[in-house]
PDB file of N, CA and C in Angstrom:
ATOM      1  N   MET A   1     -32.772-114.134  60.989  1.00  0.00           N
ATOM      2  CA  MET A   1     -33.635-113.005  60.675  1.00  0.00           C
ATOM      3  C   MET A   1     -34.722-112.916  61.730  1.00  0.00           C
ATOM      4  N   ASN A   2     -35.018-111.716  62.109  1.00  0.00           N
ATOM      5  CA  ASN A   2     -36.103-111.449  63.029  1.00  0.00           C
ATOM      6  C   ASN A   2     -37.134-110.594  62.282  1.00  0.00           C
ATOM      7  N   VAL A   3     -38.400-110.990  62.366  1.00  0.00           N
ATOM      8  CA  VAL A   3     -39.472-110.258  61.700  1.00  0.00           C
ATOM      9  C   VAL A   3     -40.443-109.755  62.751  1.00  0.00           C
ATOM     10  N   SER A   4     -40.766-108.486  62.669  1.00  0.00           N
ATOM     11  CA  SER A   4     -41.760-107.908  63.566  1.00  0.00           C
ATOM     12  C   SER A   4     -42.901-107.364  62.728  1.00  0.00           C
ATOM     13  N   CYS A   5     -44.053-107.221  63.344  1.00  0.00           N
ATOM     14  CA  CYS A   5     -45.186-106.644  62.634  1.00  0.00           C
ATOM     15  C   CYS A   5     -45.969-105.763  63.592  1.00  0.00           C
ATOM     16  N   GLU A   6     -46.138-104.520  63.215  1.00  0.00           N
ATOM     17  CA  GLU A   6     -46.907-103.556  63.998  1.00  0.00           C
ATOM     18  C   GLU A   6     -48.031-103.018  63.131  1.00  0.00           C
ATOM     19  N   ASP A   7     -49.139-102.697  63.785  1.00  0.00           N
ATOM     20  CA  ASP A   7     -50.269-102.127  63.064  1.00  0.00           C
ATOM     21  C   ASP A   7     -50.343-100.633  63.321  1.00  0.00           C
ATOM     22  N   TYR A   8     -50.441 -99.884  62.255  1.00  0.00           N
ATOM     23  CA  TYR A   8     -50.661 -98.442  62.312  1.00  0.00           C
ATOM     24  C   TYR A   8     -52.030 -98.214  61.694  1.00  0.00           C
ATOM     25  N   ASP A   9     -53.043 -98.181  62.533  1.00  0.00           N
ATOM     26  CA  ASP A   9     -54.432 -98.111  62.091  1.00  0.00           C
ATOM     27  C   ASP A   9     -54.703 -99.306  61.185  1.00  0.00           C
ATOM     28  N   LYS A  10     -54.947 -99.108  59.905  1.00  0.00           N
ATOM     29  CA  LYS A  10     -55.260-100.223  59.008  1.00  0.00           C
ATOM     30  C   LYS A  10     -54.040-100.726  58.230  1.00  0.00           C
ATOM     31  N   VAL A  11     -52.872-100.195  58.534  1.00  0.00           N
ATOM     32  CA  VAL A  11     -51.653-100.548  57.810  1.00  0.00           C
ATOM     33  C   VAL A  11     -50.796-101.479  58.668  1.00  0.00           C
ATOM     34  N   ALA A  12     -50.417-102.612  58.106  1.00  0.00           N
ATOM     35  CA  ALA A  12     -49.510-103.542  58.778  1.00  0.00           C
ATOM     36  C   ALA A  12     -48.089-103.218  58.327  1.00  0.00           C
ATOM     37  N   VAL A  13     -47.209-102.952  59.295  1.00  0.00           N
ATOM     38  CA  VAL A  13     -45.813-102.638  58.991  1.00  0.00           C
ATOM     39  C   VAL A  13     -44.961-103.829  59.411  1.00  0.00           C
ATOM     40  N   ILE A  14     -44.331-104.450  58.424  1.00  0.00           N
ATOM     41  CA  ILE A  14     -43.461-105.595  58.681  1.00  0.00           C
ATOM     42  C   ILE A  14     -42.018-105.107  58.678  1.00  0.00           C
ATOM     43  N   GLY A  15     -41.343-105.312  59.791  1.00  0.00           N
ATOM     44  CA  GLY A  15     -39.936-104.947  59.906  1.00  0.00           C
ATOM     45  C   GLY A  15     -39.062-106.181  59.786  1.00  0.00           C
ATOM     46  N   ILE A  16     -37.998-106.079  59.010  1.00  0.00           N
ATOM     47  CA  ILE A  16     -37.084-107.196  58.803  1.00  0.00           C
ATOM     48  C   ILE A  16     -35.734-106.817  59.390  1.00  0.00           C
ATOM     49  N   ASP A  17     -35.257-107.613  60.335  1.00  0.00           N
ATOM     50  CA  ASP A  17     -33.950-107.403  60.945  1.00  0.00           C
ATOM     51  C   ASP A  17     -33.053-108.555  60.502  1.00  0.00           C
ATOM     52  N   GLY A  18     -32.185-108.294  59.543  1.00  0.00           N
ATOM     53  CA  GLY A  18     -31.328-109.336  59.000  1.00  0.00           C
ATOM     54  C   GLY A  18     -31.554-109.466  57.507  1.00  0.00           C
ATOM     55  N   GLU A  19     -31.396-110.675  56.996  1.00  0.00           N
ATOM     56  CA  GLU A  19     -31.525-110.874  55.554  1.00  0.00           C
ATOM     57  C   GLU A  19     -32.882-111.469  55.185  1.00  0.00           C
ATOM     58  N   LEU A  20     -33.353-111.096  54.012  1.00  0.00           N
ATOM     59  CA  LEU A  20     -34.563-111.677  53.441  1.00  0.00           C
ATOM     60  C   LEU A  20     -34.101-112.515  52.260  1.00  0.00           C
ATOM     61  N   SER A  21     -33.999-113.812  52.504  1.00  0.00           N
ATOM     62  CA  SER A  21     -33.453-114.715  51.492  1.00  0.00           C
ATOM     63  C   SER A  21     -34.209-116.032  51.530  1.00  0.00           C
ATOM     64  N   ASP A  22     -33.849-116.912  50.635  1.00  0.00           N
ATOM     65  CA  ASP A  22     -34.484-118.217  50.556  1.00  0.00           C
ATOM     66  C   ASP A  22     -34.449-118.945  51.900  1.00  0.00           C
ATOM     67  N   ASP A  23     -33.366-118.781  52.644  1.00  0.00           N
ATOM     68  CA  ASP A  23     -33.208-119.456  53.931  1.00  0.00           C
ATOM     69  C   ASP A  23     -34.110-118.890  55.026  1.00  0.00           C
ATOM     70  N   THR A  24     -34.561-117.650  54.878  1.00  0.00           N
ATOM     71  CA  THR A  24     -35.316-116.990  55.947  1.00  0.00           C
ATOM     72  C   THR A  24     -36.736-116.609  55.539  1.00  0.00           C
ATOM     73  N   LEU A  25     -37.141-117.027  54.359  1.00  0.00           N
ATOM     74  CA  LEU A  25     -38.419-116.606  53.798  1.00  0.00           C
ATOM     75  C   LEU A  25     -39.647-117.059  54.574  1.00  0.00           C
ATOM     76  N   GLU A  26     -39.595-118.213  55.167  1.00  0.00           N
ATOM     77  CA  GLU A  26     -40.757-118.794  55.832  1.00  0.00           C
ATOM     78  C   GLU A  26     -41.317-117.868  56.913  1.00  0.00           C
ATOM     79  N   VAL A  27     -40.448-117.246  57.695  1.00  0.00           N
ATOM     80  CA  VAL A  27     -40.895-116.353  58.767  1.00  0.00           C
ATOM     81  C   VAL A  27     -41.605-115.136  58.182  1.00  0.00           C
ATOM     82  N   PHE A  28     -41.024-114.562  57.135  1.00  0.00           N
ATOM     83  CA  PHE A  28     -41.631-113.402  56.485  1.00  0.00           C
ATOM     84  C   PHE A  28     -43.012-113.743  55.923  1.00  0.00           C
ATOM     85  N   ARG A  29     -43.081-114.842  55.169  1.00  0.00           N
ATOM     86  CA  ARG A  29     -44.357-115.230  54.546  1.00  0.00           C
ATOM     87  C   ARG A  29     -45.426-115.562  55.577  1.00  0.00           C
ATOM     88  N   SER A  30     -45.058-116.281  56.636  1.00  0.00           N
ATOM     89  CA  SER A  30     -46.064-116.639  57.643  1.00  0.00           C
ATOM     90  C   SER A  30     -46.567-115.402  58.385  1.00  0.00           C
ATOM     91  N   THR A  31     -45.684-114.430  58.617  1.00  0.00           N
ATOM     92  CA  THR A  31     -46.105-113.174  59.244  1.00  0.00           C
ATOM     93  C   THR A  31     -47.094-112.447  58.341  1.00  0.00           C
ATOM     94  N   ALA A  32     -46.771-112.345  57.069  1.00  0.00           N
ATOM     95  CA  ALA A  32     -47.658-111.672  56.112  1.00  0.00           C
ATOM     96  C   ALA A  32     -48.974-112.425  55.958  1.00  0.00           C
ATOM     97  N   GLU A  33     -48.909-113.743  55.873  1.00  0.00           N
ATOM     98  CA  GLU A  33     -50.129-114.544  55.711  1.00  0.00           C
ATOM     99  C   GLU A  33     -51.083-114.381  56.888  1.00  0.00           C
ATOM    100  N   ARG A  34     -50.545-114.278  58.098  1.00  0.00           N
ATOM    101  CA  ARG A  34     -51.410-114.057  59.275  1.00  0.00           C
ATOM    102  C   ARG A  34     -52.160-112.743  59.153  1.00  0.00           C
ATOM    103  N   ARG A  35     -51.460-111.699  58.749  1.00  0.00           N
ATOM    104  CA  ARG A  35     -52.110-110.389  58.604  1.00  0.00           C
ATOM    105  C   ARG A  35     -53.107-110.409  57.443  1.00  0.00           C
ATOM    106  N   LEU A  36     -52.764-111.054  56.358  1.00  0.00           N
ATOM    107  CA  LEU A  36     -53.701-111.168  55.232  1.00  0.00           C
ATOM    108  C   LEU A  36     -54.956-111.923  55.651  1.00  0.00           C
ATOM    109  N   ALA A  37     -54.804-112.970  56.448  1.00  0.00           N
ATOM    110  CA  ALA A  37     -55.950-113.755  56.923  1.00  0.00           C
ATOM    111  C   ALA A  37     -56.861-112.915  57.817  1.00  0.00           C
ATOM    112  N   GLU A  38     -56.295-111.905  58.457  1.00  0.00           N
ATOM    113  CA  GLU A  38     -57.091-110.990  59.287  1.00  0.00           C
ATOM    114  C   GLU A  38     -57.811-109.942  58.441  1.00  0.00           C
ATOM    115  N   GLY A  39     -57.553-109.951  57.148  1.00  0.00           N
ATOM    116  CA  GLY A  39     -58.215-109.000  56.256  1.00  0.00           C
ATOM    117  C   GLY A  39     -57.400-107.766  55.942  1.00  0.00           C
ATOM    118  N   ARG A  40     -56.167-107.732  56.377  1.00  0.00           N
ATOM    119  CA  ARG A  40     -55.318-106.573  56.078  1.00  0.00           C
ATOM    120  C   ARG A  40     -54.852-106.644  54.628  1.00  0.00           C
ATOM    121  N   VAL A  41     -54.893-105.512  53.948  1.00  0.00           N
ATOM    122  CA  VAL A  41     -54.437-105.448  52.548  1.00  0.00           C
ATOM    123  C   VAL A  41     -53.505-104.257  52.306  1.00  0.00           C
ATOM    124  N   GLN A  42     -53.225-103.493  53.344  1.00  0.00           N
ATOM    125  CA  GLN A  42     -52.311-102.360  53.241  1.00  0.00           C
ATOM    126  C   GLN A  42     -51.071-102.690  54.075  1.00  0.00           C
ATOM    127  N   PHE A  43     -49.926-102.792  53.393  1.00  0.00           N
ATOM    128  CA  PHE A  43     -48.686-103.194  54.045  1.00  0.00           C
ATOM    129  C   PHE A  43     -47.554-102.229  53.719  1.00  0.00           C
ATOM    130  N   VAL A  44     -46.676-102.077  54.687  1.00  0.00           N
ATOM    131  CA  VAL A  44     -45.399-101.409  54.487  1.00  0.00           C
ATOM    132  C   VAL A  44     -44.336-102.395  54.950  1.00  0.00           C
ATOM    133  N   VAL A  45     -43.305-102.610  54.141  1.00  0.00           N
ATOM    134  CA  VAL A  45     -42.166-103.410  54.575  1.00  0.00           C
ATOM    135  C   VAL A  45     -41.044-102.435  54.893  1.00  0.00           C
ATOM    136  N   ASN A  46     -40.590-102.486  56.150  1.00  0.00           N
ATOM    137  CA  ASN A  46     -39.552-101.599  56.647  1.00  0.00           C
ATOM    138  C   ASN A  46     -38.182-102.246  56.434  1.00  0.00           C
ATOM    139  N   PHE A  47     -37.356-101.612  55.617  1.00  0.00           N
ATOM    140  CA  PHE A  47     -36.033-102.119  55.266  1.00  0.00           C
ATOM    141  C   PHE A  47     -34.921-101.548  56.147  1.00  0.00           C
ATOM    142  N   GLU A  48     -35.244-100.747  57.155  1.00  0.00           N
ATOM    143  CA  GLU A  48     -34.218-100.043  57.922  1.00  0.00           C
ATOM    144  C   GLU A  48     -33.165-100.967  58.517  1.00  0.00           C
ATOM    145  N   LYS A  49     -33.536-102.177  58.932  1.00  0.00           N
ATOM    146  CA  LYS A  49     -32.584-103.110  59.542  1.00  0.00           C
ATOM    147  C   LYS A  49     -32.276-104.304  58.647  1.00  0.00           C
ATOM    148  N   LEU A  50     -32.681-104.213  57.385  1.00  0.00           N
ATOM    149  CA  LEU A  50     -32.406-105.289  56.433  1.00  0.00           C
ATOM    150  C   LEU A  50     -30.925-105.283  56.084  1.00  0.00           C
ATOM    151  N   SER A  51     -30.282-106.441  56.173  1.00  0.00           N
ATOM    152  CA  SER A  51     -28.860-106.508  55.839  1.00  0.00           C
ATOM    153  C   SER A  51     -28.637-106.951  54.395  1.00  0.00           C
ATOM    154  N   SER A  52     -29.524-107.803  53.853  1.00  0.00           N
ATOM    155  CA  SER A  52     -29.398-108.226  52.456  1.00  0.00           C
ATOM    156  C   SER A  52     -30.700-108.843  51.981  1.00  0.00           C
ATOM    157  N   ILE A  53     -30.829-108.887  50.665  1.00  0.00           N
ATOM    158  CA  ILE A  53     -32.008-109.487  50.046  1.00  0.00           C
ATOM    159  C   ILE A  53     -31.552-110.209  48.777  1.00  0.00           C
ATOM    160  N   ASP A  54     -32.102-111.399  48.537  1.00  0.00           N
ATOM    161  CA  ASP A  54     -31.760-112.139  47.318  1.00  0.00           C
ATOM    162  C   ASP A  54     -32.995-112.255  46.432  1.00  0.00           C
ATOM    163  N   SER A  55     -32.865-113.020  45.354  1.00  0.00           N
ATOM    164  CA  SER A  55     -33.974-113.128  44.402  1.00  0.00           C
ATOM    165  C   SER A  55     -35.222-113.722  45.051  1.00  0.00           C
ATOM    166  N   ALA A  56     -35.057-114.656  45.975  1.00  0.00           N
ATOM    167  CA  ALA A  56     -36.223-115.226  46.668  1.00  0.00           C
ATOM    168  C   ALA A  56     -36.902-114.163  47.527  1.00  0.00           C
ATOM    169  N   GLY A  57     -36.118-113.297  48.133  1.00  0.00           N
ATOM    170  CA  GLY A  57     -36.687-112.198  48.911  1.00  0.00           C
ATOM    171  C   GLY A  57     -37.457-111.231  48.035  1.00  0.00           C
ATOM    172  N   LEU A  58     -36.920-110.931  46.864  1.00  0.00           N
ATOM    173  CA  LEU A  58     -37.626-110.062  45.917  1.00  0.00           C
ATOM    174  C   LEU A  58     -38.930-110.709  45.462  1.00  0.00           C
ATOM    175  N   GLU A  59     -38.887-112.008  45.217  1.00  0.00           N
ATOM    176  CA  GLU A  59     -40.105-112.726  44.827  1.00  0.00           C
ATOM    177  C   GLU A  59     -41.147-112.680  45.943  1.00  0.00           C
ATOM    178  N   ALA A  60     -40.704-112.761  47.180  1.00  0.00           N
ATOM    179  CA  ALA A  60     -41.638-112.686  48.311  1.00  0.00           C
ATOM    180  C   ALA A  60     -42.311-111.321  48.370  1.00  0.00           C
ATOM    181  N   LEU A  61     -41.571-110.269  48.080  1.00  0.00           N
ATOM    182  CA  LEU A  61     -42.168-108.928  48.042  1.00  0.00           C
ATOM    183  C   LEU A  61     -43.198-108.820  46.926  1.00  0.00           C
ATOM    184  N   LEU A  62     -42.880-109.375  45.765  1.00  0.00           N
ATOM    185  CA  LEU A  62     -43.835-109.367  44.656  1.00  0.00           C
ATOM    186  C   LEU A  62     -45.082-110.176  44.990  1.00  0.00           C
ATOM    187  N   TRP A  63     -44.883-111.315  45.667  1.00  0.00           N
ATOM    188  CA  TRP A  63     -46.017-112.135  46.098  1.00  0.00           C
ATOM    189  C   TRP A  63     -46.918-111.331  47.040  1.00  0.00           C
ATOM    190  N   LEU A  64     -46.315-110.658  48.019  1.00  0.00           N
ATOM    191  CA  LEU A  64     -47.111-109.883  48.975  1.00  0.00           C
ATOM    192  C   LEU A  64     -47.830-108.739  48.274  1.00  0.00           C
ATOM    193  N   GLN A  65     -47.155-108.088  47.344  1.00  0.00           N
ATOM    194  CA  GLN A  65     -47.808-107.009  46.601  1.00  0.00           C
ATOM    195  C   GLN A  65     -49.021-107.538  45.834  1.00  0.00           C
ATOM    196  N   ASP A  66     -48.870-108.680  45.189  1.00  0.00           N
ATOM    197  CA  ASP A  66     -49.994-109.283  44.462  1.00  0.00           C
ATOM    198  C   ASP A  66     -51.152-109.615  45.397  1.00  0.00           C
ATOM    199  N   GLN A  67     -50.841-110.159  46.572  1.00  0.00           N
ATOM    200  CA  GLN A  67     -51.888-110.493  47.553  1.00  0.00           C
ATOM    201  C   GLN A  67     -52.625-109.234  47.988  1.00  0.00           C
ATOM    202  N   CYS A  68     -51.879-108.177  48.247  1.00  0.00           N
ATOM    203  CA  CYS A  68     -52.491-106.913  48.663  1.00  0.00           C
ATOM    204  C   CYS A  68     -53.399-106.359  47.567  1.00  0.00           C
ATOM    205  N   ARG A  69     -52.921-106.371  46.358  1.00  0.00           N
ATOM    206  CA  ARG A  69     -53.699-105.797  45.253  1.00  0.00           C
ATOM    207  C   ARG A  69     -54.946-106.615  44.942  1.00  0.00           C
ATOM    208  N   GLN A  70     -54.887-107.924  45.159  1.00  0.00           N
ATOM    209  CA  GLN A  70     -56.090-108.742  44.981  1.00  0.00           C
ATOM    210  C   GLN A  70     -57.188-108.307  45.941  1.00  0.00           C
ATOM    211  N   GLY A  71     -56.784-107.824  47.119  1.00  0.00           N
ATOM    212  CA  GLY A  71     -57.745-107.333  48.099  1.00  0.00           C
ATOM    213  C   GLY A  71     -57.984-105.843  48.009  1.00  0.00           C
ATOM    214  N   ARG A  72     -57.544-105.220  46.905  1.00  0.00           N
ATOM    215  CA  ARG A  72     -57.680-103.789  46.648  1.00  0.00           C
ATOM    216  C   ARG A  72     -56.847-102.944  47.611  1.00  0.00           C
ATOM    217  N   GLY A  73     -55.716-103.492  48.029  1.00  0.00           N
ATOM    218  CA  GLY A  73     -54.777-102.766  48.866  1.00  0.00           C
ATOM    219  C   GLY A  73     -53.480-102.561  48.112  1.00  0.00           C
ATOM    220  N   ASP A  74     -52.395-102.360  48.846  1.00  0.00           N
ATOM    221  CA  ASP A  74     -51.106-102.162  48.198  1.00  0.00           C
ATOM    222  C   ASP A  74     -49.980-102.414  49.185  1.00  0.00           C
ATOM    223  N   LEU A  75     -48.779-102.498  48.655  1.00  0.00           N
ATOM    224  CA  LEU A  75     -47.563-102.684  49.436  1.00  0.00           C
ATOM    225  C   LEU A  75     -46.634-101.532  49.133  1.00  0.00           C
ATOM    226  N   LYS A  76     -46.063-100.949  50.178  1.00  0.00           N
ATOM    227  CA  LYS A  76     -45.078 -99.889  50.033  1.00  0.00           C
ATOM    228  C   LYS A  76     -43.804-100.315  50.752  1.00  0.00           C
ATOM    229  N   LEU A  77     -42.667 -99.847  50.266  1.00  0.00           N
ATOM    230  CA  LEU A  77     -41.384-100.146  50.874  1.00  0.00           C
ATOM    231  C   LEU A  77     -40.842 -98.878  51.511  1.00  0.00           C
ATOM    232  N   ALA A  78     -40.152 -99.035  52.649  1.00  0.00           N
ATOM    233  CA  ALA A  78     -39.630 -97.869  53.359  1.00  0.00           C
ATOM    234  C   ALA A  78     -38.243 -98.159  53.932  1.00  0.00           C
ATOM    235  N   GLY A  79     -37.439 -97.103  54.032  1.00  0.00           N
ATOM    236  CA  GLY A  79     -36.158 -97.182  54.709  1.00  0.00           C
ATOM    237  C   GLY A  79     -35.073 -97.957  53.985  1.00  0.00           C
ATOM    238  N   LEU A  80     -35.090 -97.966  52.672  1.00  0.00           N
ATOM    239  CA  LEU A  80     -34.080 -98.705  51.910  1.00  0.00           C
ATOM    240  C   LEU A  80     -32.726 -97.999  51.985  1.00  0.00           C
ATOM    241  N   ASP A  81     -31.680 -98.790  52.166  1.00  0.00           N
ATOM    242  CA  ASP A  81     -30.344 -98.215  52.089  1.00  0.00           C
ATOM    243  C   ASP A  81     -29.917 -98.171  50.626  1.00  0.00           C
ATOM    244  N   GLU A  82     -28.702 -97.689  50.378  1.00  0.00           N
ATOM    245  CA  GLU A  82     -28.247 -97.529  48.998  1.00  0.00           C
ATOM    246  C   GLU A  82     -28.155 -98.868  48.263  1.00  0.00           C
ATOM    247  N   THR A  83     -27.705 -99.907  48.959  1.00  0.00           N
ATOM    248  CA  THR A  83     -27.565-101.216  48.323  1.00  0.00           C
ATOM    249  C   THR A  83     -28.920-101.773  47.899  1.00  0.00           C
ATOM    250  N   ALA A  84     -29.889-101.728  48.810  1.00  0.00           N
ATOM    251  CA  ALA A  84     -31.231-102.228  48.475  1.00  0.00           C
ATOM    252  C   ALA A  84     -31.847-101.409  47.347  1.00  0.00           C
ATOM    253  N   SER A  85     -31.638-100.118  47.370  1.00  0.00           N
ATOM    254  CA  SER A  85     -32.156 -99.267  46.297  1.00  0.00           C
ATOM    255  C   SER A  85     -31.542 -99.641  44.957  1.00  0.00           C
ATOM    256  N   GLN A  86     -30.231 -99.902  44.954  1.00  0.00           N
ATOM    257  CA  GLN A  86     -29.557-100.281  43.718  1.00  0.00           C
ATOM    258  C   GLN A  86     -30.055-101.623  43.190  1.00  0.00           C
ATOM    259  N   ILE A  87     -30.319-102.557  44.102  1.00  0.00           N
ATOM    260  CA  ILE A  87     -30.854-103.861  43.691  1.00  0.00           C
ATOM    261  C   ILE A  87     -32.201-103.678  42.994  1.00  0.00           C
ATOM    262  N   LEU A  88     -33.048-102.834  43.565  1.00  0.00           N
ATOM    263  CA  LEU A  88     -34.359-102.604  42.949  1.00  0.00           C
ATOM    264  C   LEU A  88     -34.221-101.916  41.591  1.00  0.00           C
ATOM    265  N   VAL A  89     -33.275-100.999  41.482  1.00  0.00           N
ATOM    266  CA  VAL A  89     -33.055-100.329  40.189  1.00  0.00           C
ATOM    267  C   VAL A  89     -32.541-101.321  39.162  1.00  0.00           C
ATOM    268  N   MET A  90     -31.548-102.138  39.532  1.00  0.00           N
ATOM    269  CA  MET A  90     -30.964-103.102  38.590  1.00  0.00           C
ATOM    270  C   MET A  90     -31.987-104.131  38.115  1.00  0.00           C
ATOM    271  N   THR A  91     -32.918-104.496  38.982  1.00  0.00           N
ATOM    272  CA  THR A  91     -33.939-105.479  38.612  1.00  0.00           C
ATOM    273  C   THR A  91     -35.195-104.804  38.045  1.00  0.00           C
ATOM    274  N   ARG A  92     -35.158-103.496  37.988  1.00  0.00           N
ATOM    275  CA  ARG A  92     -36.272-102.665  37.518  1.00  0.00           C
ATOM    276  C   ARG A  92     -37.517-102.772  38.394  1.00  0.00           C
ATOM    277  N   LEU A  93     -37.347-103.281  39.590  1.00  0.00           N
ATOM    278  CA  LEU A  93     -38.481-103.364  40.522  1.00  0.00           C
ATOM    279  C   LEU A  93     -38.766-102.022  41.185  1.00  0.00           C
ATOM    280  N   ASP A  94     -37.857-101.074  41.037  1.00  0.00           N
ATOM    281  CA  ASP A  94     -38.126 -99.729  41.544  1.00  0.00           C
ATOM    282  C   ASP A  94     -39.335 -99.121  40.844  1.00  0.00           C
ATOM    283  N   ARG A  95     -39.645 -99.621  39.656  1.00  0.00           N
ATOM    284  CA  ARG A  95     -40.812 -99.142  38.908  1.00  0.00           C
ATOM    285  C   ARG A  95     -42.101 -99.790  39.393  1.00  0.00           C
ATOM    286  N   ARG A  96     -41.974-100.905  40.070  1.00  0.00           N
ATOM    287  CA  ARG A  96     -43.155-101.654  40.493  1.00  0.00           C
ATOM    288  C   ARG A  96     -43.590-101.290  41.917  1.00  0.00           C
ATOM    289  N   PHE A  97     -42.624-100.902  42.753  1.00  0.00           N
ATOM    290  CA  PHE A  97     -42.932-100.611  44.158  1.00  0.00           C
ATOM    291  C   PHE A  97     -42.964 -99.114  44.421  1.00  0.00           C
ATOM    292  N   ASP A  98     -43.829 -98.734  45.345  1.00  0.00           N
ATOM    293  CA  ASP A  98     -43.895 -97.372  45.842  1.00  0.00           C
ATOM    294  C   ASP A  98     -42.894 -97.310  47.002  1.00  0.00           C
ATOM    295  N   ILE A  99     -41.829 -96.526  46.853  1.00  0.00           N
ATOM    296  CA  ILE A  99     -40.723 -96.508  47.807  1.00  0.00           C
ATOM    297  C   ILE A  99     -40.706 -95.174  48.546  1.00  0.00           C
ATOM    298  N   HIS A 100     -40.542 -95.266  49.886  1.00  0.00           N
ATOM    299  CA  HIS A 100     -40.550 -94.076  50.748  1.00  0.00           C
ATOM    300  C   HIS A 100     -39.306 -94.056  51.620  1.00  0.00           C
ATOM    301  N   ALA A 101     -38.917 -92.878  52.040  1.00  0.00           N
ATOM    302  CA  ALA A 101     -37.719 -92.718  52.865  1.00  0.00           C
ATOM    303  C   ALA A 101     -37.868 -93.373  54.229  1.00  0.00           C
ATOM    304  N   ASN A 102     -39.091 -93.336  54.778  1.00  0.00           N
ATOM    305  CA  ASN A 102     -39.298 -93.911  56.110  1.00  0.00           C
ATOM    306  C   ASN A 102     -40.723 -94.453  56.244  1.00  0.00           C
ATOM    307  N   VAL A 103     -40.940 -95.167  57.329  1.00  0.00           N
ATOM    308  CA  VAL A 103     -42.247 -95.807  57.578  1.00  0.00           C
ATOM    309  C   VAL A 103     -43.344 -94.765  57.720  1.00  0.00           C
ATOM    310  N   VAL A 104     -43.069 -93.690  58.424  1.00  0.00           N
ATOM    311  CA  VAL A 104     -44.092 -92.665  58.653  1.00  0.00           C
ATOM    312  C   VAL A 104     -44.614 -92.116  57.327  1.00  0.00           C
ATOM    313  N   GLY A 105     -43.713 -91.837  56.409  1.00  0.00           N
ATOM    314  CA  GLY A 105     -44.124 -91.325  55.094  1.00  0.00           C
ATOM    315  C   GLY A 105     -44.946 -92.335  54.318  1.00  0.00           C
ATOM    316  N   ALA A 106     -44.554 -93.605  54.388  1.00  0.00           N
ATOM    317  CA  ALA A 106     -45.286 -94.648  53.671  1.00  0.00           C
ATOM    318  C   ALA A 106     -46.681 -94.843  54.249  1.00  0.00           C
ATOM    319  N   VAL A 107     -46.791 -94.867  55.562  1.00  0.00           N
ATOM    320  CA  VAL A 107     -48.091 -95.042  56.207  1.00  0.00           C
ATOM    321  C   VAL A 107     -48.989 -93.856  55.910  1.00  0.00           C
ATOM    322  N   LYS A 108     -48.405 -92.674  55.894  1.00  0.00           N
ATOM    323  CA  LYS A 108     -49.172 -91.449  55.662  1.00  0.00           C
ATOM    324  C   LYS A 108     -49.842 -91.474  54.284  1.00  0.00           C
ATOM    325  N   VAL A 109     -49.185 -92.042  53.288  1.00  0.00           N
ATOM    326  CA  VAL A 109     -49.756 -92.116  51.943  1.00  0.00           C
ATOM    327  C   VAL A 109     -51.041 -92.927  51.961  1.00  0.00           C
ATOM    328  N   PHE A 110     -51.090 -93.996  52.739  1.00  0.00           N
ATOM    329  CA  PHE A 110     -52.317 -94.790  52.838  1.00  0.00           C
ATOM    330  C   PHE A 110     -53.452 -93.952  53.437  1.00  0.00           C
ATOM    331  N   SER A 111     -53.169 -93.136  54.415  1.00  0.00           N
ATOM    332  CA  SER A 111     -54.233 -92.364  55.057  1.00  0.00           C
ATOM    333  C   SER A 111     -54.720 -91.224  54.169  1.00  0.00           C
ATOM    334  N   GLN A 112     -53.899 -90.805  53.209  1.00  0.00           N
ATOM    335  CA  GLN A 112     -54.305 -89.749  52.286  1.00  0.00           C
ATOM    336  C   GLN A 112     -55.144 -90.267  51.132  1.00  0.00           C
ATOM    337  N   GLY A 113     -54.983 -91.555  50.844  1.00  0.00           N
ATOM    338  CA  GLY A 113     -55.676 -92.106  49.666  1.00  0.00           C
ATOM    339  C   GLY A 113     -56.880 -92.795  50.064  1.00  0.00           C
TER     340      GLY A 113
END
C-alpha cells in the first residue's frame, strides 16, 4: 500500500493506493497522526485507488473520524467504487460517514461550512 497526503488549504487529503487492511494499517495511521499532531482536524480520505478494505481498515477510518471530531473537525470519504460503497452499506457505516463522489466535492464542503 502506498499512502499520500496533500493539503488543500486546511484540509488534509489522504490517498490510499492499494488495500487498507490490518497488514497495511501502520502507514495510514502514522500519516494521519502526523497531520493531527500539526493541528489538522479536517480530513478527506480518497478511495479512488483503493483496491480493498477489511474490518481493521474500517476501524481505522472510525478512529480518524473520532480524532477529527474531538478537535471539532470531521472526516469525509471520496471516490468510493461500488464495492467499497456496498461494504459501507452492509456495515451501516454509510450512515456515519459523509461520502462524496470526488475529492474536490468533499473539500468544497469544508470551505462552505
